[in-house]
Amino acid sequence: MEKLVIEKVPASSPELAVLIRELDRYLEGLYPPEDIFVVDFDDPKTKEMVFVIAYGDGEPVGCAGLRQLDGQSAELKRFYVDPRMRRHGVARQLYQYLEQQAIELSCSIMRLEAGAPQVEAIAFYERMGFSEIPPFGEYIGCESSLCMEKRIR
């Protein structure tokens, strides 16, 4: 891959939908349906989220979303990189872009939810400076959820 570009896209982006379907298929192999926390694209609040796609040589290779939780924190959502493009810096650039977006929204904390089976994702988040925290929000009571947080300013 010669060139990677991160672009904001609307929640209605067809390319975003394809990448999120790939993520959902991956997660369905790891978790029961009730433990997969999807984004409801019919919810009007979803339009307030920031979604980005990473394009490698013009092709969509990853996506992520950012949902503001309150006045000081934002949640990383639907973070996915095509398995063929992992270990090429795509995840790092997606994350750094969304961290900057969170700072611009005046957030001081980034949060996320993953699960123990996502060993590579958890290792990546730890490299980005995240630490494990108790479950928050909709993840409280979900035994498969592993929640993490990072202070960004």
Protein backbone atom coordinates (compact mmCIF):
# COMPACT_ATOMS: atom_id res chain seq x y z
CA MET A 1 0.00 0.00 0.00
CA GLU A 2 1.54 3.25 -1.11
CA LYS A 3 -0.93 5.83 0.19
CA LEU A 4 -3.36 5.85 3.11
CA VAL A 5 -6.02 8.55 3.38
CA ILE A 6 -8.51 8.95 6.24
CA GLU A 7 -11.80 10.62 5.29
CA LYS A 8 -14.92 11.51 7.26
CA VAL A 9 -18.02 9.90 5.78
CA PRO A 10 -21.74 10.12 6.56
CA ALA A 11 -23.40 7.28 8.47
CA SER A 12 -25.22 6.48 5.22
CA SER A 13 -22.00 5.75 3.29
CA PRO A 14 -22.30 2.48 1.31
CA GLU A 15 -18.57 1.83 1.78
CA LEU A 16 -18.98 2.23 5.54
CA ALA A 17 -21.88 -0.24 5.47
CA VAL A 18 -19.73 -2.84 3.68
CA LEU A 19 -16.88 -2.50 6.20
CA ILE A 20 -19.27 -2.68 9.16
CA ARG A 21 -20.86 -5.85 7.73
CA GLU A 22 -17.35 -7.36 7.55
CA LEU A 23 -16.78 -6.37 11.19
CA ASP A 24 -20.12 -7.87 12.22
CA ARG A 25 -19.28 -11.18 10.49
CA TYR A 26 -15.96 -11.26 12.37
CA LEU A 27 -17.65 -10.53 15.72
CA GLU A 28 -20.36 -13.16 15.08
CA GLY A 29 -17.58 -15.75 15.10
CA LEU A 30 -16.49 -14.63 18.58
CA TYR A 31 -19.64 -13.68 20.51
CA PRO A 32 -23.29 -14.63 20.89
CA PRO A 33 -25.64 -12.14 19.15
CA GLU A 34 -26.76 -10.55 22.43
CA ASP A 35 -23.14 -9.58 23.21
CA ILE A 36 -22.55 -7.69 19.94
CA PHE A 37 -23.25 -3.98 20.42
CA VAL A 38 -24.12 -2.62 17.00
CA VAL A 39 -24.72 0.98 15.98
CA ASP A 40 -28.38 1.59 15.19
CA PHE A 41 -28.17 3.48 11.91
CA ASP A 42 -31.90 4.27 12.13
CA ASP A 43 -31.37 6.20 15.38
CA PRO A 44 -31.23 9.96 14.64
CA LYS A 45 -28.38 10.30 17.18
CA THR A 46 -26.20 8.19 14.89
CA LYS A 47 -26.03 11.13 12.50
CA GLU A 48 -24.21 13.03 15.27
CA MET A 49 -21.42 10.44 15.32
CA VAL A 50 -18.17 10.92 13.45
CA PHE A 51 -17.44 8.08 11.02
CA VAL A 52 -14.22 7.68 9.08
CA ILE A 53 -12.93 5.33 6.42
CA ALA A 54 -9.28 4.57 5.74
CA TYR A 55 -8.57 4.31 2.02
CA GLY A 56 -5.44 2.45 0.97
CA ASP A 57 -4.54 3.22 -2.63
CA GLY A 58 -8.12 4.40 -3.11
CA GLU A 59 -9.76 1.25 -1.70
CA PRO A 60 -11.64 1.20 1.64
CA VAL A 61 -9.51 -0.82 4.08
CA GLY A 62 -10.81 0.21 7.50
CA CYS A 63 -13.38 2.22 9.40
CA ALA A 64 -14.17 3.59 12.82
CA GLY A 65 -16.71 5.75 14.58
CA LEU A 66 -16.71 8.20 17.45
CA ARG A 67 -19.73 8.80 19.68
CA GLN A 68 -19.72 11.61 22.20
CA LEU A 69 -20.95 10.20 25.52
CA ASP A 70 -21.11 13.38 27.58
CA GLY A 71 -19.30 16.70 27.83
CA GLN A 72 -15.95 15.11 28.58
CA SER A 73 -15.84 11.63 27.07
CA ALA A 74 -16.23 9.96 23.69
CA GLU A 75 -16.49 6.30 22.73
CA LEU A 76 -14.63 4.61 19.93
CA LYS A 77 -17.12 2.47 17.95
CA ARG A 78 -17.11 0.04 15.01
CA PHE A 79 -13.31 0.02 14.73
CA TYR A 80 -12.28 -2.35 11.94
CA VAL A 81 -9.34 -2.94 9.61
CA ASP A 82 -9.48 -5.43 6.74
CA PRO A 83 -7.38 -8.43 7.89
CA ARG A 84 -5.23 -8.16 4.74
CA MET A 85 -4.27 -4.61 5.73
CA ARG A 86 -3.42 -5.20 9.38
CA ARG A 87 0.11 -4.41 10.53
CA HIS A 88 0.39 -1.59 7.97
CA GLY A 89 -0.38 1.32 10.32
CA VAL A 90 -4.03 1.63 9.28
CA ALA A 91 -5.43 1.17 12.80
CA ARG A 92 -2.96 3.64 14.28
CA GLN A 93 -3.88 6.32 11.75
CA LEU A 94 -7.61 5.70 12.19
CA TYR A 95 -7.24 5.96 15.96
CA GLN A 96 -5.07 9.09 15.85
CA TYR A 97 -7.56 10.80 13.54
CA LEU A 98 -10.48 10.05 15.87
CA GLU A 99 -8.53 11.03 18.97
CA GLN A 100 -7.97 14.43 17.37
CA GLN A 101 -11.70 14.63 16.57
CA ALA A 102 -12.49 13.88 20.24
CA ILE A 103 -10.13 16.65 21.35
CA GLU A 104 -11.86 19.05 18.96
CA LEU A 105 -15.17 18.07 20.60
CA SER A 106 -13.59 19.16 23.94
CA CYS A 107 -13.41 15.59 25.23
CA SER A 108 -10.68 14.64 27.67
CA ILE A 109 -11.39 10.90 27.81
CA MET A 110 -11.70 8.21 25.14
CA ARG A 111 -13.50 4.98 26.02
CA LEU A 112 -14.15 1.75 24.18
CA GLU A 113 -15.57 -1.71 24.58
CA ALA A 114 -13.98 -4.89 23.25
CA GLY A 115 -13.89 -8.45 24.52
CA ALA A 116 -11.30 -10.91 25.77
CA PRO A 117 -11.34 -12.93 22.49
CA GLN A 118 -10.11 -9.83 20.63
CA VAL A 119 -6.53 -10.28 21.83
CA GLU A 120 -4.92 -8.34 18.96
CA ALA A 121 -7.34 -5.43 19.36
CA ILE A 122 -6.74 -5.22 23.11
CA ALA A 123 -2.96 -5.25 22.58
CA PHE A 124 -3.36 -2.43 20.03
CA TYR A 125 -5.48 -0.35 22.41
CA GLU A 126 -2.92 -0.86 25.18
CA ARG A 127 -0.19 0.38 22.81
CA MET A 128 -2.34 3.45 22.16
CA GLY A 129 -2.39 4.13 25.92
CA PHE A 130 -5.73 2.62 26.98
CA SER A 131 -6.20 0.89 30.36
CA GLU A 132 -8.95 -1.45 31.49
CA ILE A 133 -11.87 0.10 33.42
CA PRO A 134 -15.12 -1.28 34.86
CA PRO A 135 -17.92 -1.66 32.30
CA PHE A 136 -19.82 1.54 31.52
CA GLY A 137 -23.17 2.39 29.95
CA GLU A 138 -24.82 -0.37 27.96
CA TYR A 139 -21.91 -2.75 28.70
CA ILE A 140 -22.68 -3.01 32.43
CA GLY A 141 -23.70 -6.60 33.10
CA CYS A 142 -22.28 -8.00 29.85
CA GLU A 143 -19.77 -10.63 30.93
CA SER A 144 -17.95 -10.67 27.60
CA SER A 145 -17.32 -6.90 27.60
CA LEU A 146 -13.89 -5.54 28.39
CA CYS A 147 -13.96 -1.74 28.66
CA MET A 148 -10.97 0.56 28.36
CA GLU A 149 -10.24 4.24 28.76
CA LYS A 150 -7.53 6.76 27.90
CA ARG A 151 -7.09 10.35 29.06
CA ILE A 152 -6.38 12.41 25.93
CA ARG A 153 -5.88 15.86 27.45
